[in-house]
């Protein structure tokens, strides 16, 4: 019952390309609103259909696609590899500010050297 009772839940972001297994509809139970019709689920653009056809996730009515949704896929090729580490280092060295959300591996809202470290940890 991960989000059961979270009555003000309005947005859910899941960066997994394969929808995580949710065992019970009560995981999103709210005492106030019908979360399934009021919350927006943000998932990787290419995975919207998978979420919309998967148990429990399919009960939600509002999906929004996230482009570049695979966390750590800095070069946008759909996979996380050592080339993403190199691209992330390049972004930091050039001071680029237009880095995608995928480059913010640690999720703190800023792309820094700690994102490089997290990405390397993720790979190895």
N, C-alpha and C. Protein backbone atom coordinates (compact mmCIF):
# COMPACT_ATOMS: atom_id res chain seq x y z
N UNK A 1 0.83 -1.19 0.00
CA UNK A 1 0.00 0.00 0.00
C UNK A 1 0.87 1.25 0.00
N UNK A 2 1.71 1.37 -0.96
CA UNK A 2 2.70 2.43 -1.03
C UNK A 2 2.15 3.83 -0.89
N UNK A 3 1.09 4.17 -1.63
CA UNK A 3 0.56 5.53 -1.63
C UNK A 3 -0.84 5.59 -1.04
N UNK A 4 -1.26 4.52 -0.40
CA UNK A 4 -2.59 4.48 0.20
C UNK A 4 -2.73 5.59 1.23
N UNK A 5 -3.79 6.37 1.11
CA UNK A 5 -4.03 7.46 2.03
C UNK A 5 -3.36 8.76 1.66
N UNK A 6 -2.61 8.79 0.57
CA UNK A 6 -1.98 10.03 0.10
C UNK A 6 -3.04 10.83 -0.65
N UNK A 7 -3.85 11.53 0.09
CA UNK A 7 -5.03 12.18 -0.48
C UNK A 7 -4.74 13.35 -1.41
N UNK A 8 -3.54 13.88 -1.37
CA UNK A 8 -3.22 15.02 -2.24
C UNK A 8 -2.30 14.63 -3.39
N UNK A 9 -2.18 13.34 -3.66
CA UNK A 9 -1.33 12.87 -4.75
C UNK A 9 -1.89 13.33 -6.08
N UNK A 10 -1.13 14.17 -6.79
CA UNK A 10 -1.58 14.73 -8.08
C UNK A 10 -0.71 14.29 -9.24
N UNK A 11 0.56 14.01 -8.98
CA UNK A 11 1.49 13.62 -10.03
C UNK A 11 2.32 12.44 -9.57
N UNK A 12 2.49 11.49 -10.48
CA UNK A 12 3.33 10.32 -10.23
C UNK A 12 4.33 10.28 -11.39
N UNK A 13 5.61 10.22 -11.08
CA UNK A 13 6.62 10.10 -12.12
C UNK A 13 7.33 8.78 -11.93
N UNK A 14 7.33 7.98 -12.99
CA UNK A 14 8.02 6.70 -12.97
C UNK A 14 8.89 6.63 -14.22
N UNK A 15 10.18 6.56 -14.05
CA UNK A 15 11.10 6.57 -15.18
C UNK A 15 11.40 5.18 -15.72
N UNK A 16 10.84 4.16 -15.10
CA UNK A 16 11.06 2.78 -15.57
C UNK A 16 10.42 2.58 -16.93
N UNK A 17 11.16 2.02 -17.87
CA UNK A 17 10.60 1.77 -19.19
C UNK A 17 9.62 0.61 -19.17
N UNK A 18 9.81 -0.33 -18.25
CA UNK A 18 8.86 -1.42 -18.02
C UNK A 18 8.07 -1.09 -16.77
N UNK A 19 6.73 -1.07 -16.87
CA UNK A 19 5.93 -0.69 -15.70
C UNK A 19 6.22 -1.59 -14.49
N UNK A 20 6.53 -1.01 -13.34
CA UNK A 20 6.75 -1.81 -12.14
C UNK A 20 5.47 -2.55 -11.75
N UNK A 21 5.63 -3.71 -11.17
CA UNK A 21 4.48 -4.50 -10.74
C UNK A 21 3.87 -3.84 -9.51
N UNK A 22 2.57 -3.57 -9.58
CA UNK A 22 1.81 -3.07 -8.44
C UNK A 22 0.81 -4.18 -8.11
N UNK A 23 0.90 -4.73 -6.93
CA UNK A 23 0.12 -5.91 -6.61
C UNK A 23 -1.32 -5.64 -6.22
N UNK A 24 -1.63 -4.42 -5.82
CA UNK A 24 -2.97 -4.16 -5.33
C UNK A 24 -3.47 -2.78 -5.74
N UNK A 25 -4.72 -2.72 -6.15
CA UNK A 25 -5.33 -1.44 -6.49
C UNK A 25 -5.35 -0.51 -5.29
N UNK A 26 -5.34 -1.08 -4.10
CA UNK A 26 -5.38 -0.25 -2.89
C UNK A 26 -4.05 0.48 -2.65
N UNK A 27 -3.04 0.19 -3.46
CA UNK A 27 -1.75 0.89 -3.33
C UNK A 27 -1.90 2.38 -3.55
N UNK A 28 -2.94 2.78 -4.29
CA UNK A 28 -3.18 4.19 -4.58
C UNK A 28 -4.51 4.66 -4.00
N UNK A 29 -5.00 3.98 -2.98
CA UNK A 29 -6.30 4.34 -2.42
C UNK A 29 -6.24 5.72 -1.74
N UNK A 30 -7.26 6.52 -1.99
CA UNK A 30 -7.38 7.84 -1.38
C UNK A 30 -8.72 7.96 -0.70
N UNK A 31 -8.75 8.62 0.45
CA UNK A 31 -10.01 8.83 1.17
C UNK A 31 -10.80 10.00 0.61
N UNK A 32 -10.14 10.83 -0.21
CA UNK A 32 -10.76 12.06 -0.69
C UNK A 32 -11.13 11.98 -2.17
N UNK A 33 -10.14 11.75 -3.02
CA UNK A 33 -10.35 11.75 -4.46
C UNK A 33 -10.13 10.37 -5.04
N UNK A 34 -10.60 10.19 -6.25
CA UNK A 34 -10.28 8.99 -7.01
C UNK A 34 -8.95 9.27 -7.71
N UNK A 35 -7.86 8.84 -7.10
CA UNK A 35 -6.52 9.12 -7.61
C UNK A 35 -6.40 8.70 -9.08
N UNK A 36 -7.08 7.62 -9.43
CA UNK A 36 -6.96 7.11 -10.79
C UNK A 36 -7.47 8.09 -11.85
N UNK A 37 -8.36 8.98 -11.47
CA UNK A 37 -8.87 9.96 -12.45
C UNK A 37 -8.32 11.36 -12.21
N UNK A 38 -7.74 11.62 -11.05
CA UNK A 38 -7.26 12.97 -10.76
C UNK A 38 -5.75 13.12 -10.89
N UNK A 39 -5.00 12.04 -10.70
CA UNK A 39 -3.53 12.12 -10.77
C UNK A 39 -3.05 11.97 -12.21
N UNK A 40 -1.93 12.59 -12.50
CA UNK A 40 -1.28 12.45 -13.81
C UNK A 40 -0.05 11.58 -13.62
N UNK A 41 0.10 10.59 -14.48
CA UNK A 41 1.23 9.67 -14.42
C UNK A 41 2.21 10.03 -15.53
N UNK A 42 3.42 10.41 -15.13
CA UNK A 42 4.48 10.79 -16.07
C UNK A 42 5.42 9.59 -16.26
N UNK A 43 5.51 9.09 -17.48
CA UNK A 43 6.33 7.91 -17.78
C UNK A 43 7.08 8.15 -19.08
N UNK A 44 8.11 7.34 -19.37
CA UNK A 44 8.81 7.52 -20.65
C UNK A 44 7.83 7.45 -21.82
N UNK A 45 7.98 8.37 -22.75
CA UNK A 45 7.07 8.48 -23.90
C UNK A 45 6.83 7.13 -24.58
N UNK A 46 7.88 6.39 -24.81
CA UNK A 46 7.77 5.12 -25.52
C UNK A 46 7.07 4.04 -24.72
N UNK A 47 6.85 4.27 -23.43
CA UNK A 47 6.26 3.25 -22.57
C UNK A 47 4.81 3.52 -22.19
N UNK A 48 4.22 4.59 -22.68
CA UNK A 48 2.84 4.94 -22.30
C UNK A 48 1.89 3.78 -22.56
N UNK A 49 1.97 3.17 -23.72
CA UNK A 49 1.07 2.06 -24.05
C UNK A 49 1.26 0.90 -23.09
N UNK A 50 2.50 0.60 -22.74
CA UNK A 50 2.76 -0.49 -21.78
C UNK A 50 2.11 -0.20 -20.43
N UNK A 51 2.24 1.02 -19.95
CA UNK A 51 1.62 1.39 -18.67
C UNK A 51 0.10 1.31 -18.79
N UNK A 52 -0.44 1.81 -19.89
CA UNK A 52 -1.89 1.85 -20.08
C UNK A 52 -2.50 0.46 -20.23
N UNK A 53 -1.67 -0.55 -20.42
CA UNK A 53 -2.16 -1.92 -20.58
C UNK A 53 -1.71 -2.86 -19.47
N UNK A 54 -1.15 -2.30 -18.40
CA UNK A 54 -0.63 -3.11 -17.30
C UNK A 54 -1.52 -2.98 -16.07
N UNK A 55 -1.72 -4.11 -15.39
CA UNK A 55 -2.56 -4.17 -14.19
C UNK A 55 -2.26 -3.01 -13.25
N UNK A 56 -3.26 -2.41 -12.72
CA UNK A 56 -3.30 -1.26 -11.81
C UNK A 56 -2.93 0.03 -12.54
N UNK A 57 -1.81 0.07 -13.25
CA UNK A 57 -1.45 1.28 -13.99
C UNK A 57 -2.54 1.65 -14.99
N UNK A 58 -3.17 0.64 -15.59
CA UNK A 58 -4.19 0.91 -16.61
C UNK A 58 -5.43 1.59 -16.03
N UNK A 59 -5.57 1.60 -14.71
CA UNK A 59 -6.71 2.27 -14.07
C UNK A 59 -6.57 3.79 -14.09
N UNK A 60 -5.35 4.27 -14.29
CA UNK A 60 -5.15 5.72 -14.39
C UNK A 60 -5.65 6.20 -15.75
N UNK A 61 -6.19 7.41 -15.77
CA UNK A 61 -6.74 7.93 -17.02
C UNK A 61 -5.87 9.02 -17.66
N UNK A 62 -4.87 9.53 -16.94
CA UNK A 62 -4.04 10.61 -17.47
C UNK A 62 -2.56 10.20 -17.47
N UNK A 63 -2.03 9.98 -18.68
CA UNK A 63 -0.61 9.68 -18.83
C UNK A 63 0.05 10.80 -19.63
N UNK A 64 1.26 11.17 -19.24
CA UNK A 64 2.04 12.16 -19.96
C UNK A 64 3.40 11.54 -20.24
N UNK A 65 3.84 11.63 -21.49
CA UNK A 65 5.12 11.07 -21.86
C UNK A 65 6.28 11.98 -21.53
N UNK A 66 7.33 11.39 -21.05
CA UNK A 66 8.57 12.10 -20.75
C UNK A 66 9.56 11.71 -21.83
N UNK A 67 10.04 12.68 -22.59
CA UNK A 67 11.07 12.35 -23.57
C UNK A 67 12.40 12.25 -22.86
N UNK A 68 13.22 11.33 -23.31
CA UNK A 68 14.50 11.11 -22.64
C UNK A 68 14.29 10.61 -21.23
N UNK A 69 13.22 9.84 -21.01
CA UNK A 69 12.84 9.42 -19.68
C UNK A 69 13.75 8.42 -19.00
N UNK A 70 14.64 7.77 -19.75
CA UNK A 70 15.51 6.78 -19.16
C UNK A 70 16.62 7.50 -18.40
N UNK A 71 16.55 7.43 -17.10
CA UNK A 71 17.52 8.14 -16.25
C UNK A 71 18.93 7.70 -16.58
N UNK A 72 19.77 8.65 -16.93
CA UNK A 72 21.15 8.36 -17.27
C UNK A 72 21.40 8.23 -18.76
N UNK A 73 20.34 8.20 -19.57
CA UNK A 73 20.49 8.13 -21.03
C UNK A 73 20.75 9.52 -21.57
N UNK A 74 21.93 10.03 -21.31
CA UNK A 74 22.29 11.41 -21.62
C UNK A 74 22.33 11.66 -23.14
N UNK A 75 22.76 10.66 -23.90
CA UNK A 75 22.85 10.85 -25.35
C UNK A 75 21.55 10.50 -26.08
N UNK A 76 20.55 10.04 -25.35
CA UNK A 76 19.22 9.83 -25.92
C UNK A 76 19.08 8.66 -26.87
N UNK A 77 19.95 7.65 -26.75
CA UNK A 77 19.87 6.52 -27.67
C UNK A 77 19.02 5.36 -27.14
N UNK A 78 18.38 5.55 -26.00
CA UNK A 78 17.49 4.52 -25.45
C UNK A 78 18.16 3.52 -24.55
N UNK A 79 19.44 3.69 -24.29
CA UNK A 79 20.14 2.79 -23.38
C UNK A 79 21.18 3.56 -22.59
N UNK A 80 21.52 3.02 -21.43
CA UNK A 80 22.52 3.67 -20.59
C UNK A 80 23.82 2.89 -20.74
N UNK A 81 24.84 3.58 -21.29
CA UNK A 81 26.13 2.95 -21.55
C UNK A 81 27.26 3.91 -21.15
N UNK A 82 28.48 3.46 -21.36
CA UNK A 82 29.64 4.29 -21.03
C UNK A 82 29.66 5.57 -21.87
N UNK A 83 29.04 5.55 -23.05
CA UNK A 83 29.00 6.77 -23.86
C UNK A 83 28.17 7.86 -23.17
N UNK A 84 27.22 7.47 -22.34
CA UNK A 84 26.46 8.46 -21.58
C UNK A 84 27.34 9.13 -20.53
N UNK A 85 28.26 8.37 -19.95
CA UNK A 85 29.20 8.94 -18.98
C UNK A 85 30.07 9.98 -19.69
N UNK A 86 30.59 9.61 -20.87
CA UNK A 86 31.43 10.54 -21.63
C UNK A 86 30.65 11.80 -22.01
N UNK A 87 29.40 11.63 -22.44
CA UNK A 87 28.57 12.78 -22.83
C UNK A 87 28.31 13.68 -21.62
N UNK A 88 28.04 13.07 -20.47
CA UNK A 88 27.78 13.84 -19.25
C UNK A 88 29.02 14.63 -18.83
N UNK A 89 30.18 14.01 -18.93
CA UNK A 89 31.43 14.71 -18.62
C UNK A 89 31.63 15.88 -19.58
N UNK A 90 31.36 15.64 -20.87
CA UNK A 90 31.45 16.73 -21.86
C UNK A 90 30.53 17.88 -21.49
N UNK A 91 29.32 17.57 -21.09
CA UNK A 91 28.37 18.62 -20.70
C UNK A 91 28.91 19.45 -19.54
N UNK A 92 29.49 18.77 -18.56
CA UNK A 92 30.03 19.49 -17.40
C UNK A 92 31.24 20.35 -17.77
N UNK A 93 32.11 19.81 -18.61
CA UNK A 93 33.32 20.54 -18.99
C UNK A 93 33.02 21.77 -19.86
N UNK A 94 31.96 21.69 -20.66
CA UNK A 94 31.62 22.83 -21.51
C UNK A 94 30.68 23.80 -20.82
N UNK A 95 30.22 23.44 -19.64
CA UNK A 95 29.31 24.31 -18.90
C UNK A 95 27.92 24.40 -19.52
N UNK A 96 27.56 23.38 -20.29
CA UNK A 96 26.25 23.38 -20.95
C UNK A 96 25.13 23.39 -19.90
N UNK A 97 24.17 24.26 -20.12
CA UNK A 97 23.05 24.36 -19.18
C UNK A 97 21.78 23.73 -19.74
N UNK A 98 21.83 23.28 -21.00
CA UNK A 98 20.63 22.71 -21.61
C UNK A 98 20.53 21.20 -21.42
N UNK A 99 21.26 20.65 -20.47
CA UNK A 99 21.27 19.21 -20.25
C UNK A 99 19.87 18.70 -19.95
N UNK A 100 19.58 17.51 -20.45
CA UNK A 100 18.26 16.91 -20.27
C UNK A 100 18.06 16.43 -18.84
N UNK A 101 16.82 16.12 -18.52
CA UNK A 101 16.50 15.57 -17.19
C UNK A 101 17.21 14.24 -16.98
N UNK A 102 17.48 13.51 -18.06
CA UNK A 102 18.18 12.23 -17.95
C UNK A 102 19.59 12.41 -17.40
N UNK A 103 20.19 13.61 -17.59
CA UNK A 103 21.54 13.87 -17.11
C UNK A 103 21.56 14.12 -15.60
N UNK A 104 20.42 14.45 -15.01
CA UNK A 104 20.34 14.69 -13.57
C UNK A 104 20.10 13.35 -12.88
N UNK A 105 21.12 12.52 -12.87
CA UNK A 105 21.00 11.14 -12.41
C UNK A 105 20.64 11.05 -10.93
N UNK A 106 21.14 11.97 -10.12
CA UNK A 106 20.84 11.91 -8.69
C UNK A 106 19.55 12.64 -8.31
N UNK A 107 18.91 13.28 -9.29
CA UNK A 107 17.59 13.88 -9.07
C UNK A 107 17.56 15.12 -8.21
N UNK A 108 18.68 15.80 -8.07
CA UNK A 108 18.68 16.99 -7.21
C UNK A 108 18.38 18.29 -7.96
N UNK A 109 18.11 18.17 -9.27
CA UNK A 109 17.75 19.34 -10.05
C UNK A 109 18.92 20.08 -10.67
N UNK A 110 20.14 19.61 -10.39
CA UNK A 110 21.35 20.25 -10.92
C UNK A 110 22.26 19.16 -11.47
N UNK A 111 22.85 19.40 -12.63
CA UNK A 111 23.79 18.44 -13.20
C UNK A 111 25.20 18.78 -12.72
N UNK A 112 25.78 17.84 -11.94
CA UNK A 112 27.10 18.05 -11.34
C UNK A 112 27.93 16.76 -11.46
N UNK A 113 29.13 16.81 -10.92
CA UNK A 113 30.01 15.64 -10.94
C UNK A 113 29.39 14.47 -10.17
N UNK A 114 28.52 14.73 -9.21
CA UNK A 114 27.88 13.63 -8.48
C UNK A 114 26.97 12.82 -9.41
N UNK A 115 26.46 13.46 -10.47
CA UNK A 115 25.66 12.71 -11.45
C UNK A 115 26.55 11.74 -12.23
N UNK A 116 27.78 12.16 -12.52
CA UNK A 116 28.73 11.27 -13.20
C UNK A 116 29.01 10.07 -12.31
N UNK A 117 29.27 10.31 -11.04
CA UNK A 117 29.56 9.22 -10.10
C UNK A 117 28.37 8.25 -10.00
N UNK A 118 27.16 8.79 -9.90
CA UNK A 118 25.97 7.94 -9.83
C UNK A 118 25.79 7.12 -11.11
N UNK A 119 26.06 7.74 -12.24
CA UNK A 119 25.92 7.05 -13.51
C UNK A 119 26.93 5.92 -13.63
N UNK A 120 28.16 6.16 -13.20
CA UNK A 120 29.18 5.10 -13.22
C UNK A 120 28.75 3.97 -12.28
N UNK A 121 28.25 4.31 -11.10
CA UNK A 121 27.77 3.29 -10.16
C UNK A 121 26.64 2.46 -10.79
N UNK A 122 25.79 3.13 -11.53
CA UNK A 122 24.65 2.47 -12.16
C UNK A 122 25.12 1.45 -13.21
N UNK A 123 26.22 1.77 -13.90
CA UNK A 123 26.73 0.90 -14.95
C UNK A 123 27.51 -0.29 -14.41
N UNK A 124 28.20 -0.09 -13.28
CA UNK A 124 29.09 -1.14 -12.80
C UNK A 124 28.71 -1.63 -11.47
